[in-house]
Amino acid sequence: MIVRDVSLVNFGFSPELSKAIEAKKIAEQEAKQAEFTVKKASPDAPAQINRDLIAS
């Protein structure tokens, strides 16, 4: 006998695994948002530091 295909139906993850998957996805999105924020701020950062130093 040779099995060529398998179909799984009506299966689910445990609540703990589902929460862990959701937490991982949230963490990935937050990391992407932080990376975007850093990239967006980077060009202005040296100028802001200079303004802060001059104002001191």
N, C-alpha and C. Protein backbone atom coordinates (compact mmCIF):
# COMPACT_ATOMS: atom_id res chain seq x y z
N MET A 1 0.85 -1.18 0.00
CA MET A 1 0.00 0.00 0.00
C MET A 1 0.90 1.25 0.00
N ILE A 2 0.55 2.19 -0.84
CA ILE A 2 1.27 3.45 -0.94
C ILE A 2 0.28 4.56 -0.65
N VAL A 3 0.62 5.42 0.32
CA VAL A 3 -0.23 6.56 0.65
C VAL A 3 0.26 7.75 -0.17
N ARG A 4 -0.61 8.30 -0.96
CA ARG A 4 -0.24 9.42 -1.84
C ARG A 4 -0.75 10.76 -1.35
N ASP A 5 -1.75 10.73 -0.50
CA ASP A 5 -2.34 11.99 -0.04
C ASP A 5 -3.00 11.76 1.31
N VAL A 6 -2.95 12.76 2.14
CA VAL A 6 -3.60 12.73 3.45
C VAL A 6 -4.36 14.03 3.62
N SER A 7 -5.56 13.94 4.14
CA SER A 7 -6.36 15.13 4.38
C SER A 7 -6.78 15.15 5.85
N LEU A 8 -6.45 16.22 6.53
CA LEU A 8 -6.83 16.37 7.94
C LEU A 8 -8.00 17.34 8.03
N VAL A 9 -9.01 16.93 8.76
CA VAL A 9 -10.18 17.80 8.96
C VAL A 9 -10.54 17.80 10.43
N ASN A 10 -11.19 18.87 10.84
CA ASN A 10 -11.67 19.00 12.22
C ASN A 10 -10.56 18.83 13.25
N PHE A 11 -9.48 19.53 13.06
CA PHE A 11 -8.44 19.51 14.08
C PHE A 11 -8.26 20.93 14.60
N GLY A 12 -7.71 21.02 15.78
CA GLY A 12 -7.50 22.33 16.39
C GLY A 12 -6.29 22.31 17.29
N PHE A 13 -5.84 23.49 17.63
CA PHE A 13 -4.71 23.62 18.53
C PHE A 13 -5.21 23.81 19.95
N SER A 14 -4.37 23.49 20.88
CA SER A 14 -4.73 23.73 22.28
C SER A 14 -4.82 25.24 22.51
N PRO A 15 -5.59 25.66 23.51
CA PRO A 15 -5.68 27.11 23.78
C PRO A 15 -4.31 27.74 24.07
N GLU A 16 -3.44 26.98 24.73
CA GLU A 16 -2.11 27.51 25.04
C GLU A 16 -1.30 27.76 23.76
N LEU A 17 -1.37 26.81 22.83
CA LEU A 17 -0.64 26.97 21.58
C LEU A 17 -1.22 28.11 20.76
N SER A 18 -2.52 28.22 20.73
CA SER A 18 -3.16 29.32 20.00
C SER A 18 -2.74 30.67 20.57
N LYS A 19 -2.68 30.77 21.90
CA LYS A 19 -2.24 32.03 22.54
C LYS A 19 -0.78 32.31 22.21
N ALA A 20 0.05 31.27 22.22
CA ALA A 20 1.47 31.46 21.91
C ALA A 20 1.65 31.93 20.47
N ILE A 21 0.89 31.36 19.55
CA ILE A 21 0.97 31.77 18.14
C ILE A 21 0.54 33.22 18.00
N GLU A 22 -0.54 33.57 18.66
CA GLU A 22 -1.03 34.95 18.59
C GLU A 22 -0.01 35.92 19.19
N ALA A 23 0.58 35.54 20.32
CA ALA A 23 1.58 36.40 20.97
C ALA A 23 2.79 36.59 20.06
N LYS A 24 3.19 35.53 19.37
CA LYS A 24 4.33 35.64 18.46
C LYS A 24 4.01 36.59 17.31
N LYS A 25 2.82 36.47 16.75
CA LYS A 25 2.43 37.36 15.66
C LYS A 25 2.39 38.81 16.11
N ILE A 26 1.87 39.05 17.31
CA ILE A 26 1.82 40.41 17.85
C ILE A 26 3.24 40.95 18.04
N ALA A 27 4.13 40.11 18.59
CA ALA A 27 5.51 40.53 18.82
C ALA A 27 6.20 40.86 17.49
N GLU A 28 5.93 40.07 16.47
CA GLU A 28 6.53 40.34 15.16
C GLU A 28 6.03 41.66 14.59
N GLN A 29 4.74 41.93 14.74
CA GLN A 29 4.19 43.19 14.24
C GLN A 29 4.76 44.39 15.02
N GLU A 30 4.90 44.23 16.33
CA GLU A 30 5.48 45.31 17.14
C GLU A 30 6.93 45.56 16.75
N ALA A 31 7.67 44.50 16.46
CA ALA A 31 9.07 44.64 16.04
C ALA A 31 9.15 45.37 14.70
N LYS A 32 8.25 45.02 13.78
CA LYS A 32 8.23 45.70 12.48
C LYS A 32 7.87 47.17 12.65
N GLN A 33 6.94 47.47 13.55
CA GLN A 33 6.55 48.86 13.79
C GLN A 33 7.72 49.64 14.39
N ALA A 34 8.43 49.02 15.32
CA ALA A 34 9.59 49.68 15.93
C ALA A 34 10.68 49.92 14.89
N GLU A 35 10.91 48.94 14.03
CA GLU A 35 11.91 49.10 12.96
C GLU A 35 11.52 50.24 12.03
N PHE A 36 10.26 50.32 11.68
CA PHE A 36 9.78 51.41 10.83
C PHE A 36 9.99 52.76 11.51
N THR A 37 9.66 52.83 12.80
CA THR A 37 9.81 54.07 13.54
C THR A 37 11.27 54.52 13.58
N VAL A 38 12.18 53.56 13.78
CA VAL A 38 13.61 53.89 13.81
C VAL A 38 14.07 54.38 12.45
N LYS A 39 13.66 53.67 11.40
CA LYS A 39 14.07 54.10 10.05
C LYS A 39 13.52 55.48 9.71
N LYS A 40 12.30 55.73 10.14
CA LYS A 40 11.67 57.02 9.87
C LYS A 40 12.38 58.14 10.63
N ALA A 41 12.81 57.86 11.85
CA ALA A 41 13.43 58.89 12.68
C ALA A 41 14.92 59.07 12.37
N SER A 42 15.56 58.09 11.82
CA SER A 42 17.00 58.13 11.61
C SER A 42 17.50 59.36 10.85
N PRO A 43 16.90 59.77 9.76
CA PRO A 43 17.42 60.95 9.06
C PRO A 43 17.35 62.22 9.90
N ASP A 44 16.37 62.33 10.77
CA ASP A 44 16.22 63.54 11.57
C ASP A 44 17.01 63.49 12.87
N ALA A 45 17.47 62.32 13.28
CA ALA A 45 18.12 62.18 14.58
C ALA A 45 19.37 63.05 14.72
N PRO A 46 20.34 63.04 13.79
CA PRO A 46 21.52 63.90 13.96
C PRO A 46 21.16 65.38 14.06
N ALA A 47 20.22 65.83 13.27
CA ALA A 47 19.83 67.24 13.32
C ALA A 47 19.20 67.57 14.67
N GLN A 48 18.38 66.68 15.18
CA GLN A 48 17.76 66.92 16.49
C GLN A 48 18.82 66.94 17.60
N ILE A 49 19.78 66.05 17.53
CA ILE A 49 20.85 66.04 18.54
C ILE A 49 21.61 67.36 18.48
N ASN A 50 21.92 67.83 17.28
CA ASN A 50 22.63 69.11 17.14
C ASN A 50 21.80 70.26 17.72
N ARG A 51 20.51 70.27 17.44
CA ARG A 51 19.65 71.34 17.99
C ARG A 51 19.62 71.27 19.51
N ASP A 52 19.56 70.05 20.06
CA ASP A 52 19.54 69.90 21.51
C ASP A 52 20.86 70.37 22.13
N LEU A 53 21.98 70.08 21.46
CA LEU A 53 23.28 70.51 21.98
C LEU A 53 23.42 72.02 21.93
N ILE A 54 22.94 72.63 20.86
CA ILE A 54 23.03 74.09 20.71
C ILE A 54 22.14 74.77 21.76
N ALA A 55 20.99 74.19 22.02
CA ALA A 55 20.05 74.78 22.98
C ALA A 55 20.54 74.66 24.43
N SER A 56 21.46 73.74 24.68
CA SER A 56 21.93 73.52 26.06
C SER A 56 22.82 74.62 26.55
